[in-house]
C-alpha atoms as a PDB file:
ATOM      1  CA  MET A   1      99.290 100.788  81.041  1.00  0.00           C
ATOM      2  CA  PHE A   2      95.756 100.028  82.133  1.00  0.00           C
ATOM      3  CA  THR A   3      94.045 102.881  83.945  1.00  0.00           C
ATOM      4  CA  SER A   4      91.072 102.952  86.322  1.00  0.00           C
ATOM      5  CA  GLY A   5      88.023 101.384  84.677  1.00  0.00           C
ATOM      6  CA  SER A   6      90.061  99.173  82.332  1.00  0.00           C
ATOM      7  CA  LEU A   7      89.131  95.493  82.135  1.00  0.00           C
ATOM      8  CA  VAL A   8      91.336  92.811  80.588  1.00  0.00           C
ATOM      9  CA  SER A   9      89.537  89.489  80.329  1.00  0.00           C
ATOM     10  CA  CYS A  10      91.016  86.134  79.297  1.00  0.00           C
ATOM     11  CA  GLY A  11      88.215  83.656  78.564  1.00  0.00           C
ATOM     12  CA  ALA A  12      88.017  79.905  78.914  1.00  0.00           C
ATOM     13  CA  SER A  13      89.747  79.174  75.591  1.00  0.00           C
ATOM     14  CA  PHE A  14      92.757  81.453  76.170  1.00  0.00           C
ATOM     15  CA  THR A  15      96.203  79.813  76.432  1.00  0.00           C
ATOM     16  CA  GLY A  16      99.654  81.168  77.243  1.00  0.00           C
ATOM     17  CA  ASN A  17     100.756  84.491  78.710  1.00  0.00           C
ATOM     18  CA  LEU A  18      98.797  87.486  77.428  1.00  0.00           C
ATOM     19  CA  PHE A  19     101.726  89.890  77.733  1.00  0.00           C
ATOM     20  CA  GLY A  20     104.547  87.493  76.897  1.00  0.00           C
ATOM     21  CA  THR A  21     107.430  86.401  79.104  1.00  0.00           C
ATOM     22  CA  THR A  22     110.422  88.604  78.335  1.00  0.00           C
ATOM     23  CA  ASN A  23     109.556  92.328  78.487  1.00  0.00           C
ATOM     24  CA  LEU A  24     109.873  92.685  82.252  1.00  0.00           C
ATOM     25  CA  THR A  25     107.888  95.374  84.107  1.00  0.00           C
ATOM     26  CA  THR A  26     106.302  96.714  80.912  1.00  0.00           C
ATOM     27  CA  VAL A  27     102.628  96.266  81.836  1.00  0.00           C
ATOM     28  CA  LEU A  28     101.050  98.262  84.671  1.00  0.00           C
ATOM     29  CA  PHE A  29      97.575  97.872  86.118  1.00  0.00           C
ATOM     30  CA  GLN A  30      96.829 101.121  87.920  1.00  0.00           C
ATOM     31  CA  SER A  31      94.336 101.496  90.758  1.00  0.00           C
ATOM     32  CA  GLY A  32      90.848 100.604  89.522  1.00  0.00           C
ATOM     33  CA  ALA A  33      92.027  98.404  86.624  1.00  0.00           C
ATOM     34  CA  VAL A  34      91.042  94.716  86.530  1.00  0.00           C
ATOM     35  CA  TYR A  35      92.640  91.592  85.017  1.00  0.00           C
ATOM     36  CA  ALA A  36      90.055  88.772  84.906  1.00  0.00           C
ATOM     37  CA  GLN A  37      91.344  85.322  84.006  1.00  0.00           C
ATOM     38  CA  ALA A  38      89.478  82.086  83.317  1.00  0.00           C
ATOM     39  CA  SER A  39      92.245  80.265  81.457  1.00  0.00           C
ATOM     40  CA  GLY A  40      95.878  80.508  80.402  1.00  0.00           C
ATOM     41  CA  SER A  41      99.166  80.824  82.243  1.00  0.00           C
ATOM     42  CA  ASN A  42      99.780  83.128  85.180  1.00  0.00           C
ATOM     43  CA  PRO A  43      99.646  86.854  84.340  1.00  0.00           C
ATOM     44  CA  PHE A  44     103.204  87.573  85.480  1.00  0.00           C
ATOM     45  CA  GLY A  45     104.850  85.893  82.501  1.00  0.00           C
ATOM     46  CA  ALA A  46     108.245  85.366  84.148  1.00  0.00           C
ATOM     47  CA  ASN A  47     109.744  83.357  86.987  1.00  0.00           C
ATOM     48  CA  GLN A  48     109.846  84.943  90.426  1.00  0.00           C
ATOM     49  CA  PRO A  49     111.026  87.450  91.443  1.00  0.00           C
ATOM     50  CA  GLN A  50     110.688  88.939  87.956  1.00  0.00           C
ATOM     51  CA  SER A  51     107.425  89.913  86.292  1.00  0.00           C
ATOM     52  CA  VAL A  52     106.125  91.399  83.070  1.00  0.00           C
ATOM     53  CA  VAL A  53     103.031  92.718  84.884  1.00  0.00           C
ATOM     54  CA  THR A  54     102.792  94.980  87.924  1.00  0.00           C
ATOM     55  CA  PHE A  55      99.559  95.344  89.895  1.00  0.00           C
ATOM     56  CA  ALA A  56      99.512  98.698  91.683  1.00  0.00           C
ATOM     57  CA  PRO A  57      97.617  99.102  94.963  1.00  0.00           C
ATOM     58  CA  GLY A  58      93.897  99.241  94.199  1.00  0.00           C
ATOM     59  CA  SER A  59      94.133  97.165  91.020  1.00  0.00           C
ATOM     60  CA  ARG A  60      92.490  93.751  90.961  1.00  0.00           C
ATOM     61  CA  TYR A  61      93.304  90.291  89.648  1.00  0.00           C
ATOM     62  CA  ARG A  62      90.273  88.007  89.366  1.00  0.00           C
ATOM     63  CA  LEU A  63      91.042  84.330  88.982  1.00  0.00           C
ATOM     64  CA  ARG A  64      88.116  82.229  87.845  1.00  0.00           C
ATOM     65  CA  ARG A  65      89.624  78.862  87.083  1.00  0.00           C
ATOM     66  CA  HIS A  66      88.593  75.386  88.049  1.00  0.00           C
ATOM     67  CA  ASP A  67      91.507  73.352  86.730  1.00  0.00           C
ATOM     68  CA  HIS A  68      94.270  74.441  89.144  1.00  0.00           C
ATOM     69  CA  ALA A  69      95.414  77.318  91.307  1.00  0.00           C
ATOM     70  CA  VAL A  70      97.891  79.998  90.330  1.00  0.00           C
ATOM     71  CA  VAL A  71     100.193  81.107  93.128  1.00  0.00           C
ATOM     72  CA  LEU A  72     100.172  84.862  93.617  1.00  0.00           C
ATOM     73  CA  GLY A  73     103.745  85.881  94.256  1.00  0.00           C
ATOM     74  CA  PRO A  74     105.495  88.959  95.612  1.00  0.00           C
ATOM     75  CA  HIS A  75     104.492  90.959  92.522  1.00  0.00           C
ATOM     76  CA  LEU A  76     101.288  91.983  94.264  1.00  0.00           C
ATOM     77  CA  THR A  77     101.264  94.531  97.015  1.00  0.00           C
ATOM     78  CA  ARG A  78      99.476  93.709 100.243  1.00  0.00           C
ATOM     79  CA  THR A  79      96.456  95.787  99.140  1.00  0.00           C
ATOM     80  CA  SER A  80      96.319  94.136  95.719  1.00  0.00           C
ATOM     81  CA  ARG A  81      96.620  90.670  97.283  1.00  0.00           C
ATOM     82  CA  ARG A  82      93.582  91.260  99.464  1.00  0.00           C
ATOM     83  CA  ARG A  83      91.546  92.470  96.499  1.00  0.00           C
ATOM     84  CA  ALA A  84      92.810  89.634  94.290  1.00  0.00           C
ATOM     85  CA  ARG A  85      90.985  87.178  96.526  1.00  0.00           C
ATOM     86  CA  ALA A  86      87.654  88.987  96.143  1.00  0.00           C
END
């Protein structure tokens, strides 16, 4: 669980899924927590509609990649989706 003020950052040399692909719904980003990604696979770790990671309203996902886009699926709430684009 990542609480308000937490920052998880995956730099340019990171590869794979930070939290794995099998332990579904085990990672929670609470309001005020940030996941910043420059490289690697998508943060969800599983195929839709399942996910290892949950972004609560008010949490943020920052995507800073130049190689290709990651599709943000239904795992983000409407509030989180808006902030993910910022």
